[in-house]
Amino acid sequence: MARRASHPDQLSQEARSALADYLAELEKLYPGGTKKCQIVPWPEYGEGSYLVKVPSPSTEEKWIEISARMAEVGAHILVDSDQLFVLTV
Protein backbone atom coordinates (compact mmCIF):
# COMPACT_ATOMS: atom_id res chain seq x y z
CA MET A 1 0.00 0.00 0.00
CA ALA A 2 1.11 3.57 -0.55
CA ARG A 3 2.85 5.55 2.16
CA ARG A 4 0.84 8.54 3.24
CA ALA A 5 1.73 11.69 5.11
CA SER A 6 -1.81 11.58 6.49
CA HIS A 7 -2.85 8.41 8.21
CA PRO A 8 -5.74 6.94 6.15
CA ASP A 9 -7.93 6.74 9.25
CA GLN A 10 -7.71 10.53 9.53
CA LEU A 11 -9.31 10.97 6.10
CA SER A 12 -13.05 11.19 5.73
CA GLN A 13 -14.83 8.24 4.14
CA GLU A 14 -15.44 10.36 1.03
CA ALA A 15 -11.72 11.25 0.80
CA ARG A 16 -10.67 7.60 1.29
CA SER A 17 -13.04 6.47 -1.44
CA ALA A 18 -11.91 9.19 -3.86
CA LEU A 19 -8.26 8.44 -3.09
CA ALA A 20 -8.81 4.72 -3.72
CA ASP A 21 -10.29 5.53 -7.14
CA TYR A 22 -7.40 7.89 -7.96
CA LEU A 23 -4.74 5.39 -6.90
CA ALA A 24 -6.41 2.54 -8.80
CA GLU A 25 -6.20 4.54 -12.02
CA LEU A 26 -2.63 5.61 -11.25
CA GLU A 27 -1.61 1.98 -10.76
CA LYS A 28 -2.97 1.11 -14.22
CA LEU A 29 -0.88 3.86 -15.83
CA TYR A 30 2.21 3.59 -13.65
CA PRO A 31 2.49 0.03 -12.28
CA GLY A 32 4.32 0.11 -8.98
CA GLY A 33 4.09 3.90 -8.77
CA THR A 34 1.55 3.74 -5.97
CA LYS A 35 3.80 1.55 -3.82
CA LYS A 36 6.18 4.44 -3.25
CA CYS A 37 3.76 7.35 -3.42
CA GLN A 38 3.07 9.82 -0.65
CA ILE A 39 -0.26 11.52 -0.06
CA VAL A 40 0.31 14.98 1.39
CA PRO A 41 -2.48 17.31 2.54
CA TRP A 42 -2.46 20.56 0.57
CA PRO A 43 -4.24 22.96 2.93
CA GLU A 44 -3.52 26.03 0.78
CA TYR A 45 -6.27 24.78 -1.53
CA GLY A 46 -8.72 23.91 1.20
CA GLU A 47 -9.92 20.82 2.99
CA GLY A 48 -9.98 17.78 0.73
CA SER A 49 -6.92 18.85 -1.30
CA TYR A 50 -3.90 16.55 -1.58
CA LEU A 51 -0.64 16.23 -3.45
CA VAL A 52 0.13 12.73 -4.67
CA LYS A 53 3.92 12.46 -4.88
CA VAL A 54 5.33 9.62 -6.99
CA PRO A 55 8.83 8.63 -8.05
CA SER A 56 9.81 10.14 -11.37
CA PRO A 57 9.01 7.83 -14.31
CA SER A 58 11.86 6.64 -16.51
CA THR A 59 11.22 9.09 -19.34
CA GLU A 60 9.81 12.56 -19.77
CA GLU A 61 7.33 11.22 -22.34
CA LYS A 62 6.01 8.70 -19.82
CA TRP A 63 5.63 11.47 -17.22
CA ILE A 64 3.67 13.61 -19.68
CA GLU A 65 1.38 10.68 -20.50
CA ILE A 66 0.80 9.80 -16.84
CA SER A 67 0.30 13.37 -15.62
CA ALA A 68 -2.08 14.27 -18.46
CA ARG A 69 -4.29 11.24 -17.83
CA MET A 70 -4.22 11.70 -14.06
CA ALA A 71 -5.25 15.35 -14.50
CA GLU A 72 -8.37 14.06 -16.30
CA VAL A 73 -9.00 11.50 -13.57
CA GLY A 74 -8.49 14.14 -10.89
CA ALA A 75 -10.93 16.51 -12.60
CA HIS A 76 -13.65 13.85 -12.63
CA ILE A 77 -13.02 13.04 -8.97
CA LEU A 78 -13.14 16.74 -8.05
CA VAL A 79 -16.51 17.15 -9.77
CA ASP A 80 -17.93 13.99 -8.22
CA SER A 81 -16.56 14.26 -4.68
CA ASP A 82 -15.07 17.74 -4.12
CA GLN A 83 -11.72 16.05 -3.37
CA LEU A 84 -8.67 17.48 -5.17
CA PHE A 85 -5.70 15.23 -6.01
CA VAL A 86 -2.73 16.65 -7.91
CA LEU A 87 0.06 14.38 -9.15
CA THR A 88 3.65 15.52 -8.65
CA VAL A 89 7.16 14.07 -8.52
PDB file of N, CA and C in Angstrom:
ATOM      1  N   MET A   1       0.843  -1.181   0.000  1.00  0.00           N
ATOM      2  CA  MET A   1       0.000   0.000   0.000  1.00  0.00           C
ATOM      3  C   MET A   1       0.877   1.230   0.000  1.00  0.00           C
ATOM      4  N   ALA A   2       0.355   2.335  -0.442  1.00  0.00           N
ATOM      5  CA  ALA A   2       1.113   3.574  -0.546  1.00  0.00           C
ATOM      6  C   ALA A   2       1.403   4.167   0.826  1.00  0.00           C
ATOM      7  N   ARG A   3       2.544   4.805   0.933  1.00  0.00           N
ATOM      8  CA  ARG A   3       2.849   5.549   2.156  1.00  0.00           C
ATOM      9  C   ARG A   3       2.091   6.861   2.089  1.00  0.00           C
ATOM     10  N   ARG A   4       1.619   7.310   3.212  1.00  0.00           N
ATOM     11  CA  ARG A   4       0.842   8.543   3.243  1.00  0.00           C
ATOM     12  C   ARG A   4       1.326   9.433   4.360  1.00  0.00           C
ATOM     13  N   ALA A   5       1.383  10.733   4.075  1.00  0.00           N
ATOM     14  CA  ALA A   5       1.729  11.691   5.110  1.00  0.00           C
ATOM     15  C   ALA A   5       0.583  11.795   6.102  1.00  0.00           C
ATOM     16  N   SER A   6      -0.632  11.620   5.621  1.00  0.00           N
ATOM     17  CA  SER A   6      -1.807  11.579   6.488  1.00  0.00           C
ATOM     18  C   SER A   6      -2.157  10.124   6.720  1.00  0.00           C
ATOM     19  N   HIS A   7      -2.420   9.775   7.928  1.00  0.00           N
ATOM     20  CA  HIS A   7      -2.855   8.409   8.207  1.00  0.00           C
ATOM     21  C   HIS A   7      -4.229   8.234   7.582  1.00  0.00           C
ATOM     22  N   PRO A   8      -4.458   7.137   6.842  1.00  0.00           N
ATOM     23  CA  PRO A   8      -5.738   6.938   6.153  1.00  0.00           C
ATOM     24  C   PRO A   8      -6.947   7.047   7.066  1.00  0.00           C
ATOM     25  N   ASP A   9      -6.804   6.656   8.318  1.00  0.00           N
ATOM     26  CA  ASP A   9      -7.931   6.741   9.245  1.00  0.00           C
ATOM     27  C   ASP A   9      -8.319   8.180   9.535  1.00  0.00           C
ATOM     28  N   GLN A  10      -7.417   9.116   9.282  1.00  0.00           N
ATOM     29  CA  GLN A  10      -7.706  10.526   9.530  1.00  0.00           C
ATOM     30  C   GLN A  10      -8.483  11.156   8.375  1.00  0.00           C
ATOM     31  N   LEU A  11      -8.565  10.466   7.246  1.00  0.00           N
ATOM     32  CA  LEU A  11      -9.309  10.968   6.101  1.00  0.00           C
ATOM     33  C   LEU A  11     -10.785  10.618   6.254  1.00  0.00           C
ATOM     34  N   SER A  12     -11.626  11.489   5.724  1.00  0.00           N
ATOM     35  CA  SER A  12     -13.055  11.194   5.734  1.00  0.00           C
ATOM     36  C   SER A  12     -13.315   9.995   4.828  1.00  0.00           C
ATOM     37  N   GLN A  13     -14.463   9.371   4.991  1.00  0.00           N
ATOM     38  CA  GLN A  13     -14.830   8.240   4.137  1.00  0.00           C
ATOM     39  C   GLN A  13     -14.860   8.667   2.674  1.00  0.00           C
ATOM     40  N   GLU A  14     -15.380   9.859   2.409  1.00  0.00           N
ATOM     41  CA  GLU A  14     -15.436  10.363   1.032  1.00  0.00           C
ATOM     42  C   GLU A  14     -14.031  10.533   0.460  1.00  0.00           C
ATOM     43  N   ALA A  15     -13.106  11.067   1.258  1.00  0.00           N
ATOM     44  CA  ALA A  15     -11.720  11.250   0.803  1.00  0.00           C
ATOM     45  C   ALA A  15     -11.047   9.901   0.572  1.00  0.00           C
ATOM     46  N   ARG A  16     -11.262   8.945   1.462  1.00  0.00           N
ATOM     47  CA  ARG A  16     -10.666   7.604   1.285  1.00  0.00           C
ATOM     48  C   ARG A  16     -11.177   6.937   0.009  1.00  0.00           C
ATOM     49  N   SER A  17     -12.462   7.063  -0.252  1.00  0.00           N
ATOM     50  CA  SER A  17     -13.045   6.473  -1.440  1.00  0.00           C
ATOM     51  C   SER A  17     -12.498   7.135  -2.707  1.00  0.00           C
ATOM     52  N   ALA A  18     -12.434   8.460  -2.708  1.00  0.00           N
ATOM     53  CA  ALA A  18     -11.912   9.195  -3.864  1.00  0.00           C
ATOM     54  C   ALA A  18     -10.433   8.865  -4.080  1.00  0.00           C
ATOM     55  N   LEU A  19      -9.677   8.774  -2.995  1.00  0.00           N
ATOM     56  CA  LEU A  19      -8.259   8.438  -3.086  1.00  0.00           C
ATOM     57  C   LEU A  19      -8.075   7.028  -3.645  1.00  0.00           C
ATOM     58  N   ALA A  20      -8.890   6.095  -3.210  1.00  0.00           N
ATOM     59  CA  ALA A  20      -8.806   4.718  -3.721  1.00  0.00           C
ATOM     60  C   ALA A  20      -9.039   4.696  -5.229  1.00  0.00           C
ATOM     61  N   ASP A  21     -10.017   5.458  -5.703  1.00  0.00           N
ATOM     62  CA  ASP A  21     -10.290   5.535  -7.143  1.00  0.00           C
ATOM     63  C   ASP A  21      -9.097   6.139  -7.888  1.00  0.00           C
ATOM     64  N   TYR A  22      -8.541   7.208  -7.338  1.00  0.00           N
ATOM     65  CA  TYR A  22      -7.405   7.889  -7.960  1.00  0.00           C
ATOM     66  C   TYR A  22      -6.199   6.951  -8.033  1.00  0.00           C
ATOM     67  N   LEU A  23      -5.900   6.289  -6.930  1.00  0.00           N
ATOM     68  CA  LEU A  23      -4.735   5.392  -6.901  1.00  0.00           C
ATOM     69  C   LEU A  23      -4.931   4.162  -7.788  1.00  0.00           C
ATOM     70  N   ALA A  24      -6.150   3.682  -7.919  1.00  0.00           N
ATOM     71  CA  ALA A  24      -6.406   2.543  -8.802  1.00  0.00           C
ATOM     72  C   ALA A  24      -6.097   2.909 -10.250  1.00  0.00           C
ATOM     73  N   GLU A  25      -6.503   4.091 -10.657  1.00  0.00           N
ATOM     74  CA  GLU A  25      -6.202   4.536 -12.019  1.00  0.00           C
ATOM     75  C   GLU A  25      -4.706   4.796 -12.197  1.00  0.00           C
ATOM     76  N   LEU A  26      -4.074   5.367 -11.191  1.00  0.00           N
ATOM     77  CA  LEU A  26      -2.633   5.614 -11.250  1.00  0.00           C
ATOM     78  C   LEU A  26      -1.869   4.302 -11.401  1.00  0.00           C
ATOM     79  N   GLU A  27      -2.287   3.288 -10.692  1.00  0.00           N
ATOM     80  CA  GLU A  27      -1.614   1.985 -10.761  1.00  0.00           C
ATOM     81  C   GLU A  27      -1.713   1.384 -12.165  1.00  0.00           C
ATOM     82  N   LYS A  28      -2.833   1.605 -12.845  1.00  0.00           N
ATOM     83  CA  LYS A  28      -2.972   1.114 -14.223  1.00  0.00           C
ATOM     84  C   LYS A  28      -1.967   1.788 -15.158  1.00  0.00           C
ATOM     85  N   LEU A  29      -1.761   3.084 -14.959  1.00  0.00           N
ATOM     86  CA  LEU A  29      -0.877   3.856 -15.833  1.00  0.00           C
ATOM     87  C   LEU A  29       0.592   3.727 -15.456  1.00  0.00           C
ATOM     88  N   TYR A  30       0.844   3.563 -14.176  1.00  0.00           N
ATOM     89  CA  TYR A  30       2.212   3.586 -13.650  1.00  0.00           C
ATOM     90  C   TYR A  30       2.347   2.440 -12.651  1.00  0.00           C
ATOM     91  N   PRO A  31       2.403   1.198 -13.179  1.00  0.00           N
ATOM     92  CA  PRO A  31       2.487   0.035 -12.282  1.00  0.00           C
ATOM     93  C   PRO A  31       3.644   0.181 -11.285  1.00  0.00           C
ATOM     94  N   GLY A  32       3.326  -0.018 -10.037  1.00  0.00           N
ATOM     95  CA  GLY A  32       4.320   0.113  -8.979  1.00  0.00           C
ATOM     96  C   GLY A  32       4.471   1.535  -8.467  1.00  0.00           C
ATOM     97  N   GLY A  33       3.963   2.502  -9.183  1.00  0.00           N
ATOM     98  CA  GLY A  33       4.086   3.902  -8.767  1.00  0.00           C
ATOM     99  C   GLY A  33       3.369   4.205  -7.467  1.00  0.00           C
ATOM    100  N   THR A  34       2.292   3.478  -7.205  1.00  0.00           N
ATOM    101  CA  THR A  34       1.549   3.742  -5.971  1.00  0.00           C
ATOM    102  C   THR A  34       2.227   3.132  -4.753  1.00  0.00           C
ATOM    103  N   LYS A  35       3.117   2.175  -4.964  1.00  0.00           N
ATOM    104  CA  LYS A  35       3.798   1.548  -3.823  1.00  0.00           C
ATOM    105  C   LYS A  35       4.728   2.518  -3.101  1.00  0.00           C
ATOM    106  N   LYS A  36       5.243   3.492  -3.839  1.00  0.00           N
ATOM    107  CA  LYS A  36       6.181   4.444  -3.248  1.00  0.00           C
ATOM    108  C   LYS A  36       5.623   5.863  -3.230  1.00  0.00           C
ATOM    109  N   CYS A  37       4.318   5.997  -3.394  1.00  0.00           N
ATOM    110  CA  CYS A  37       3.761   7.348  -3.416  1.00  0.00           C
ATOM    111  C   CYS A  37       3.509   7.854  -1.993  1.00  0.00           C
ATOM    112  N   GLN A  38       3.424   9.164  -1.903  1.00  0.00           N
ATOM    113  CA  GLN A  38       3.070   9.823  -0.649  1.00  0.00           C
ATOM    114  C   GLN A  38       1.851  10.687  -0.905  1.00  0.00           C
ATOM    115  N   ILE A  39       0.922  10.674   0.014  1.00  0.00           N
ATOM    116  CA  ILE A  39      -0.256  11.523  -0.062  1.00  0.00           C
ATOM    117  C   ILE A  39      -0.057  12.618   0.982  1.00  0.00           C
ATOM    118  N   VAL A  40       0.010  13.856   0.511  1.00  0.00           N
ATOM    119  CA  VAL A  40       0.313  14.981   1.392  1.00  0.00           C
ATOM    120  C   VAL A  40      -0.848  15.970   1.365  1.00  0.00           C
ATOM    121  N   PRO A  41      -1.420  16.293   2.515  1.00  0.00           N
ATOM    122  CA  PRO A  41      -2.479  17.306   2.539  1.00  0.00           C
ATOM    123  C   PRO A  41      -1.962  18.619   1.939  1.00  0.00           C
ATOM    124  N   TRP A  42      -2.814  19.307   1.230  1.00  0.00           N
ATOM    125  CA  TRP A  42      -2.464  20.564   0.570  1.00  0.00           C
ATOM    126  C   TRP A  42      -3.428  21.644   1.055  1.00  0.00           C
ATOM    127  N   PRO A  43      -3.261  22.079   2.296  1.00  0.00           N
ATOM    128  CA  PRO A  43      -4.242  22.965   2.927  1.00  0.00           C
ATOM    129  C   PRO A  43      -4.399  24.323   2.246  1.00  0.00           C
ATOM    130  N   GLU A  44      -3.410  24.746   1.469  1.00  0.00           N
ATOM    131  CA  GLU A  44      -3.523  26.033   0.778  1.00  0.00           C
ATOM    132  C   GLU A  44      -4.725  26.059  -0.169  1.00  0.00           C
ATOM    133  N   TYR A  45      -5.143  24.870  -0.614  1.00  0.00           N
ATOM    134  CA  TYR A  45      -6.272  24.781  -1.534  1.00  0.00           C
ATOM    135  C   TYR A  45      -7.534  24.276  -0.859  1.00  0.00           C
ATOM    136  N   GLY A  46      -7.529  24.254   0.449  1.00  0.00           N
ATOM    137  CA  GLY A  46      -8.719  23.911   1.197  1.00  0.00           C
ATOM    138  C   GLY A  46      -8.762  22.459   1.635  1.00  0.00           C
ATOM    139  N   GLU A  47      -9.715  22.187   2.491  1.00  0.00           N
ATOM    140  CA  GLU A  47      -9.920  20.824   2.987  1.00  0.00           C
ATOM    141  C   GLU A  47     -10.265  19.913   1.812  1.00  0.00           C
ATOM    142  N   GLY A  48      -9.714  18.719   1.810  1.00  0.00           N
ATOM    143  CA  GLY A  48      -9.976  17.783   0.727  1.00  0.00           C
ATOM    144  C   GLY A  48      -9.023  17.928  -0.438  1.00  0.00           C
ATOM    145  N   SER A  49      -7.914  18.664  -0.238  1.00  0.00           N
ATOM    146  CA  SER A  49      -6.919  18.846  -1.297  1.00  0.00           C
ATOM    147  C   SER A  49      -5.632  18.134  -0.916  1.00  0.00           C
ATOM    148  N   TYR A  50      -5.081  17.363  -1.862  1.00  0.00           N
ATOM    149  CA  TYR A  50      -3.904  16.549  -1.577  1.00  0.00           C
ATOM    150  C   TYR A  50      -2.947  16.530  -2.761  1.00  0.00           C
ATOM    151  N   LEU A  51      -1.660  16.504  -2.458  1.00  0.00           N
ATOM    152  CA  LEU A  51      -0.635  16.228  -3.451  1.00  0.00           C
ATOM    153  C   LEU A  51      -0.351  14.740  -3.412  1.00  0.00           C
ATOM    154  N   VAL A  52      -0.214  14.142  -4.568  1.00  0.00           N
ATOM    155  CA  VAL A  52       0.130  12.734  -4.672  1.00  0.00           C
ATOM    156  C   VAL A  52       1.526  12.696  -5.289  1.00  0.00           C
ATOM    157  N   LYS A  53       2.524  12.462  -4.439  1.00  0.00           N
ATOM    158  CA  LYS A  53       3.917  12.461  -4.880  1.00  0.00           C
ATOM    159  C   LYS A  53       4.337  11.049  -5.266  1.00  0.00           C
ATOM    160  N   VAL A  54       4.871  10.922  -6.488  1.00  0.00           N
ATOM    161  CA  VAL A  54       5.329   9.625  -6.995  1.00  0.00           C
ATOM    162  C   VAL A  54       6.777   9.741  -7.430  1.00  0.00           C
ATOM    163  N   PRO A  55       7.475   8.614  -7.495  1.00  0.00           N
ATOM    164  CA  PRO A  55       8.832   8.632  -8.048  1.00  0.00           C
ATOM    165  C   PRO A  55       8.760   9.033  -9.525  1.00  0.00           C
ATOM    166  N   SER A  56       9.767   9.700  -9.980  1.00  0.00           N
ATOM    167  CA  SER A  56       9.807  10.141 -11.369  1.00  0.00           C
ATOM    168  C   SER A  56       9.846   8.939 -12.318  1.00  0.00           C
ATOM    169  N   PRO A  57       8.962   8.917 -13.320  1.00  0.00           N
ATOM    170  CA  PRO A  57       9.009   7.832 -14.310  1.00  0.00           C
ATOM    171  C   PRO A  57      10.321   7.863 -15.088  1.00  0.00           C
ATOM    172  N   SER A  58      10.573   6.797 -15.829  1.00  0.00           N
ATOM    173  CA  SER A  58      11.862   6.636 -16.507  1.00  0.00           C
ATOM    174  C   SER A  58      12.103   7.640 -17.620  1.00  0.00           C
ATOM    175  N   THR A  59      11.037   8.131 -18.255  1.00  0.00           N
ATOM    176  CA  THR A  59      11.224   9.093 -19.341  1.00  0.00           C
ATOM    177  C   THR A  59      10.274  10.276 -19.182  1.00  0.00           C
ATOM    178  N   GLU A  60      10.651  11.372 -19.809  1.00  0.00           N
ATOM    179  CA  GLU A  60       9.806  12.560 -19.774  1.00  0.00           C
ATOM    180  C   GLU A  60       8.484  12.303 -20.499  1.00  0.00           C
ATOM    181  N   GLU A  61       8.536  11.540 -21.586  1.00  0.00           N
ATOM    182  CA  GLU A  61       7.329  11.223 -22.336  1.00  0.00           C
ATOM    183  C   GLU A  61       6.343  10.435 -21.475  1.00  0.00           C
ATOM    184  N   LYS A  62       6.861   9.487 -20.710  1.00  0.00           N
ATOM    185  CA  LYS A  62       6.006   8.699 -19.815  1.00  0.00           C
ATOM    186  C   LYS A  62       5.378   9.600 -18.757  1.00  0.00           C
ATOM    187  N   TRP A  63       6.151  10.541 -18.215  1.00  0.00           N
ATOM    188  CA  TRP A  63       5.629  11.467 -17.215  1.00  0.00           C
ATOM    189  C   TRP A  63       4.503  12.320 -17.806  1.00  0.00           C
ATOM    190  N   ILE A  64       4.694  12.799 -19.026  1.00  0.00           N
ATOM    191  CA  ILE A  64       3.671  13.610 -19.681  1.00  0.00           C
ATOM    192  C   ILE A  64       2.391  12.796 -19.863  1.00  0.00           C
ATOM    193  N   GLU A  65       2.538  11.563 -20.317  1.00  0.00           N
ATOM    194  CA  GLU A  65       1.383  10.683 -20.504  1.00  0.00           C
ATOM    195  C   GLU A  65       0.649  10.442 -19.184  1.00  0.00           C
ATOM    196  N   ILE A  66       1.397  10.094 -18.147  1.00  0.00           N
ATOM    197  CA  ILE A  66       0.796   9.805 -16.842  1.00  0.00           C
ATOM    198  C   ILE A  66       0.138  11.050 -16.259  1.00  0.00           C
ATOM    199  N   SER A  67       0.841  12.169 -16.255  1.00  0.00           N
ATOM    200  CA  SER A  67       0.304  13.371 -15.622  1.00  0.00           C
ATOM    201  C   SER A  67      -0.917  13.904 -16.365  1.00  0.00           C
ATOM    202  N   ALA A  68      -0.924  13.809 -17.698  1.00  0.00           N
ATOM    203  CA  ALA A  68      -2.083  14.273 -18.457  1.00  0.00           C
ATOM    204  C   ALA A  68      -3.318  13.425 -18.137  1.00  0.00           C
ATOM    205  N   ARG A  69      -3.146  12.128 -18.118  1.00  0.00           N
ATOM    206  CA  ARG A  69      -4.285  11.240 -17.825  1.00  0.00           C
ATOM    207  C   ARG A  69      -4.772  11.415 -16.389  1.00  0.00           C
ATOM    208  N   MET A  70      -3.824  11.551 -15.456  1.00  0.00           N
ATOM    209  CA  MET A  70      -4.219  11.702 -14.058  1.00  0.00           C
ATOM    210  C   MET A  70      -4.876  13.063 -13.803  1.00  0.00           C
ATOM    211  N   ALA A  71      -4.555  14.066 -14.609  1.00  0.00           N
ATOM    212  CA  ALA A  71      -5.253  15.351 -14.504  1.00  0.00           C
ATOM    213  C   ALA A  71      -6.730  15.169 -14.880  1.00  0.00           C
ATOM    214  N   GLU A  72      -6.985  14.361 -15.909  1.00  0.00           N
ATOM    215  CA  GLU A  72      -8.367  14.058 -16.295  1.00  0.00           C
ATOM    216  C   GLU A  72      -9.086  13.301 -15.189  1.00  0.00           C
ATOM    217  N   VAL A  73      -8.419  12.285 -14.657  1.00  0.00           N
ATOM    218  CA  VAL A  73      -9.003  11.496 -13.568  1.00  0.00           C
ATOM    219  C   VAL A  73      -9.291  12.401 -12.378  1.00  0.00           C
ATOM    220  N   GLY A  74      -8.321  13.232 -12.020  1.00  0.00           N
ATOM    221  CA  GLY A  74      -8.486  14.143 -10.894  1.00  0.00           C
ATOM    222  C   GLY A  74      -9.639  15.113 -11.093  1.00  0.00           C
ATOM    223  N   ALA A  75      -9.823  15.587 -12.317  1.00  0.00           N
ATOM    224  CA  ALA A  75     -10.925  16.513 -12.595  1.00  0.00           C
ATOM    225  C   ALA A  75     -12.271  15.825 -12.384  1.00  0.00           C
ATOM    226  N   HIS A  76     -12.400  14.584 -12.837  1.00  0.00           N
ATOM    227  CA  HIS A  76     -13.649  13.847 -12.632  1.00  0.00           C
ATOM    228  C   HIS A  76     -13.904  13.611 -11.137  1.00  0.00           C
ATOM    229  N   ILE A  77     -12.864  13.274 -10.412  1.00  0.00           N
ATOM    230  CA  ILE A  77     -13.020  13.044  -8.970  1.00  0.00           C
ATOM    231  C   ILE A  77     -13.412  14.342  -8.268  1.00  0.00           C
ATOM    232  N   LEU A  78     -12.810  15.446  -8.664  1.00  0.00           N
ATOM    233  CA  LEU A  78     -13.139  16.738  -8.055  1.00  0.00           C
ATOM    234  C   LEU A  78     -14.613  17.076  -8.265  1.00  0.00           C
ATOM    235  N   VAL A  79     -15.103  16.871  -9.474  1.00  0.00           N
ATOM    236  CA  VAL A  79     -16.506  17.151  -9.771  1.00  0.00           C
ATOM    237  C   VAL A  79     -17.427  16.236  -8.965  1.00  0.00           C
ATOM    238  N   ASP A  80     -17.069  14.964  -8.890  1.00  0.00           N
ATOM    239  CA  ASP A  80     -17.926  13.986  -8.217  1.00  0.00           C
ATOM    240  C   ASP A  80     -17.882  14.060  -6.695  1.00  0.00           C
ATOM    241  N   SER A  81     -16.704  14.395  -6.135  1.00  0.00           N
ATOM    242  CA  SER A  81     -16.556  14.263  -4.684  1.00  0.00           C
ATOM    243  C   SER A  81     -16.034  15.507  -3.971  1.00  0.00           C
ATOM    244  N   ASP A  82     -15.660  16.527  -4.704  1.00  0.00           N
ATOM    245  CA  ASP A  82     -15.074  17.745  -4.122  1.00  0.00           C
ATOM    246  C   ASP A  82     -13.741  17.452  -3.431  1.00  0.00           C
ATOM    247  N   GLN A  83     -13.048  16.404  -3.880  1.00  0.00           N
ATOM    248  CA  GLN A  83     -11.718  16.048  -3.372  1.00  0.00           C
ATOM    249  C   GLN A  83     -10.718  16.342  -4.499  1.00  0.00           C
ATOM    250  N   LEU A  84      -9.659  17.078  -4.172  1.00  0.00           N
ATOM    251  CA  LEU A  84      -8.669  17.476  -5.173  1.00  0.00           C
ATOM    252  C   LEU A  84      -7.383  16.683  -4.970  1.00  0.00           C
ATOM    253  N   PHE A  85      -6.963  15.965  -6.030  1.00  0.00           N
ATOM    254  CA  PHE A  85      -5.700  15.225  -6.014  1.00  0.00           C
ATOM    255  C   PHE A  85      -4.857  15.718  -7.183  1.00  0.00           C
ATOM    256  N   VAL A  86      -3.627  16.137  -6.881  1.00  0.00           N
ATOM    257  CA  VAL A  86      -2.727  16.650  -7.907  1.00  0.00           C
ATOM    258  C   VAL A  86      -1.459  15.806  -7.876  1.00  0.00           C
ATOM    259  N   LEU A  87      -1.119  15.235  -9.027  1.00  0.00           N
ATOM    260  CA  LEU A  87       0.057  14.377  -9.149  1.00  0.00           C
ATOM    261  C   LEU A  87       1.321  15.219  -9.292  1.00  0.00           C
ATOM    262  N   THR A  88       2.368  14.836  -8.572  1.00  0.00           N
ATOM    263  CA  THR A  88       3.652  15.520  -8.645  1.00  0.00           C
ATOM    264  C   THR A  88       4.777  14.522  -8.394  1.00  0.00           C
ATOM    265  N   VAL A  89       5.986  14.913  -8.788  1.00  0.00           N
ATOM    266  CA  VAL A  89       7.156  14.066  -8.517  1.00  0.00           C
ATOM    267  C   VAL A  89       7.974  14.684  -7.421  1.00  0.00           C
TER     268      VAL A  89
END
